[in-house]
C-alpha atoms as a PDB file:
ATOM      1  CA  MET A   1       0.000   0.000   0.000  1.00  0.00           C
ATOM      2  CA  LYS A   2       1.291   3.479  -0.837  1.00  0.00           C
ATOM      3  CA  LEU A   3       1.003   6.550   1.375  1.00  0.00           C
ATOM      4  CA  ILE A   4       1.627   9.666  -0.703  1.00  0.00           C
ATOM      5  CA  THR A   5       2.414  13.004   0.918  1.00  0.00           C
ATOM      6  CA  PHE A   6       2.291  16.141  -1.222  1.00  0.00           C
ATOM      7  CA  THR A   7       1.525  19.830  -1.481  1.00  0.00           C
ATOM      8  CA  TYR A   8      -1.618  20.446  -3.540  1.00  0.00           C
ATOM      9  CA  THR A   9      -2.403  23.730  -5.281  1.00  0.00           C
ATOM     10  CA  LYS A  10      -5.991  24.192  -6.497  1.00  0.00           C
ATOM     11  CA  ALA A  11      -6.881  26.237  -9.567  1.00  0.00           C
ATOM     12  CA  ASP A  12      -7.931  29.117  -7.286  1.00  0.00           C
ATOM     13  CA  GLY A  13      -4.414  29.163  -5.769  1.00  0.00           C
ATOM     14  CA  LYS A  14      -5.383  27.599  -2.431  1.00  0.00           C
ATOM     15  CA  VAL A  15      -2.540  25.386  -1.149  1.00  0.00           C
ATOM     16  CA  SER A  16      -2.879  22.427   1.218  1.00  0.00           C
ATOM     17  CA  GLU A  17      -0.641  19.666   2.525  1.00  0.00           C
ATOM     18  CA  ARG A  18      -2.105  16.188   1.892  1.00  0.00           C
ATOM     19  CA  GLU A  19      -1.500  12.574   2.935  1.00  0.00           C
ATOM     20  CA  VAL A  20      -3.337  10.060   0.769  1.00  0.00           C
ATOM     21  CA  ILE A  21      -3.511   6.275   0.640  1.00  0.00           C
ATOM     22  CA  GLU A  22      -3.343   5.540  -3.079  1.00  0.00           C
ATOM     23  CA  ILE A  23      -6.295   3.588  -4.457  1.00  0.00           C
ATOM     24  CA  SER A  24      -5.466   3.910  -8.155  1.00  0.00           C
ATOM     25  CA  GLN A  25      -2.800   5.634 -10.213  1.00  0.00           C
ATOM     26  CA  PRO A  26      -3.630   8.314 -12.784  1.00  0.00           C
ATOM     27  CA  SER A  27      -3.985   6.741 -16.200  1.00  0.00           C
ATOM     28  CA  THR A  28      -5.231   7.360 -19.721  1.00  0.00           C
ATOM     29  CA  LEU A  29      -6.008   3.649 -20.096  1.00  0.00           C
ATOM     30  CA  LEU A  30      -9.208   1.709 -19.587  1.00  0.00           C
ATOM     31  CA  SER A  31      -8.669  -1.035 -17.015  1.00  0.00           C
ATOM     32  CA  GLY A  32     -10.996  -4.000 -16.932  1.00  0.00           C
ATOM     33  CA  ILE A  33     -11.632  -7.699 -17.290  1.00  0.00           C
ATOM     34  CA  ASP A  34     -11.770  -8.704 -20.951  1.00  0.00           C
ATOM     35  CA  VAL A  35     -14.723 -11.069 -21.317  1.00  0.00           C
ATOM     36  CA  THR A  36     -14.676 -11.126 -25.130  1.00  0.00           C
ATOM     37  CA  GLU A  37     -13.903 -14.848 -25.265  1.00  0.00           C
ATOM     38  CA  MET A  38     -16.319 -15.826 -22.483  1.00  0.00           C
ATOM     39  CA  TYR A  39     -19.256 -18.049 -23.384  1.00  0.00           C
ATOM     40  CA  SER A  40     -22.402 -15.921 -23.089  1.00  0.00           C
ATOM     41  CA  GLY A  41     -24.054 -18.420 -20.726  1.00  0.00           C
ATOM     42  CA  ASP A  42     -21.134 -18.080 -18.299  1.00  0.00           C
ATOM     43  CA  PHE A  43     -21.113 -14.311 -18.560  1.00  0.00           C
ATOM     44  CA  ALA A  44     -24.389 -13.775 -16.697  1.00  0.00           C
ATOM     45  CA  GLU A  45     -23.254 -15.970 -13.799  1.00  0.00           C
ATOM     46  CA  PHE A  46     -19.813 -14.355 -13.708  1.00  0.00           C
ATOM     47  CA  ALA A  47     -21.276 -10.838 -13.842  1.00  0.00           C
ATOM     48  CA  ASN A  48     -23.655 -11.601 -10.982  1.00  0.00           C
ATOM     49  CA  ASP A  49     -20.933 -13.206  -8.824  1.00  0.00           C
ATOM     50  CA  TYR A  50     -18.516 -10.361  -9.560  1.00  0.00           C
ATOM     51  CA  LYS A  51     -21.122  -7.725  -8.684  1.00  0.00           C
ATOM     52  CA  GLU A  52     -21.861  -9.486  -5.373  1.00  0.00           C
ATOM     53  CA  LEU A  53     -18.130  -9.583  -4.602  1.00  0.00           C
ATOM     54  CA  LEU A  54     -17.716  -5.866  -5.353  1.00  0.00           C
ATOM     55  CA  ASP A  55     -20.820  -4.990  -3.314  1.00  0.00           C
ATOM     56  CA  GLU A  56     -19.445  -6.897  -0.304  1.00  0.00           C
ATOM     57  CA  GLN A  57     -16.002  -5.304  -0.647  1.00  0.00           C
ATOM     58  CA  ASN A  58     -17.594  -1.855  -0.866  1.00  0.00           C
ATOM     59  CA  ARG A  59     -19.771  -2.524   2.186  1.00  0.00           C
ATOM     60  CA  GLN A  60     -16.727  -3.612   4.200  1.00  0.00           C
ATOM     61  CA  ARG A  61     -14.681  -0.624   2.968  1.00  0.00           C
ATOM     62  CA  MET A  62     -17.442   1.813   3.933  1.00  0.00           C
ATOM     63  CA  GLU A  63     -17.813   0.234   7.384  1.00  0.00           C
ATOM     64  CA  LEU A  64     -14.065   0.566   7.954  1.00  0.00           C
ATOM     65  CA  MET A  65     -13.987   4.160   6.746  1.00  0.00           C
ATOM     66  CA  GLN A  66     -16.966   5.041   8.940  1.00  0.00           C
ATOM     67  CA  ALA A  67     -15.338   3.390  11.969  1.00  0.00           C
ATOM     68  CA  TYR A  68     -12.366   5.732  11.493  1.00  0.00           C
ATOM     69  CA  ALA A  69     -14.493   8.826  10.684  1.00  0.00           C
ATOM     70  CA  LEU A  70     -13.376   8.753   7.025  1.00  0.00           C
ATOM     71  CA  LYS A  71     -16.797   8.145   5.446  1.00  0.00           C
ATOM     72  CA  HIS A  72     -16.566  11.279   3.277  1.00  0.00           C
ATOM     73  CA  ALA A  73     -12.787  11.325   2.750  1.00  0.00           C
ATOM     74  CA  PHE A  74     -12.536   9.962  -0.821  1.00  0.00           C
ATOM     75  CA  ARG A  75     -10.780  12.574  -2.973  1.00  0.00           C
ATOM     76  CA  GLN A  76      -9.221  12.866  -6.419  1.00  0.00           C
ATOM     77  CA  PHE A  77      -6.133  14.964  -7.114  1.00  0.00           C
ATOM     78  CA  LYS A  78      -4.686  16.188 -10.416  1.00  0.00           C
ATOM     79  CA  PRO A  79      -1.024  15.114 -10.615  1.00  0.00           C
ATOM     80  CA  ALA A  80      -0.131  18.395 -12.354  1.00  0.00           C
ATOM     81  CA  CYS A  81      -1.188  20.267  -9.192  1.00  0.00           C
ATOM     82  CA  MET A  82       0.956  18.123  -6.870  1.00  0.00           C
ATOM     83  CA  THR A  83       4.439  19.153  -5.724  1.00  0.00           C
ATOM     84  CA  ASN A  84       6.862  17.910  -3.070  1.00  0.00           C
ATOM     85  CA  VAL A  85       5.577  14.371  -3.619  1.00  0.00           C
ATOM     86  CA  VAL A  86       6.893  11.696  -1.241  1.00  0.00           C
ATOM     87  CA  VAL A  87       5.838   8.054  -1.657  1.00  0.00           C
ATOM     88  CA  GLN A  88       6.113   5.603   1.236  1.00  0.00           C
ATOM     89  CA  HIS A  89       5.242   1.928   1.128  1.00  0.00           C
ATOM     90  CA  VAL A  90       3.346   1.139   4.328  1.00  0.00           C
END
């Protein structure tokens, strides 16, 4: 897991110091599971099972965030506005 510390400057010039646990890296690519070759009969079952898995993971993540008073702490930052970036593996 990565903890990233940086100075963030918003478009309006407001500057803040941030510490963020990285969830995903900035990208111009689409990331996903390629199901092109999957038999259509298997797809419905897979899609349902995968959705249930994601729903459970999200429920657990939200419970954890709420337990630590982080329920509304998800943020996105533009890399171009980040300076003094320090990455730590924790």
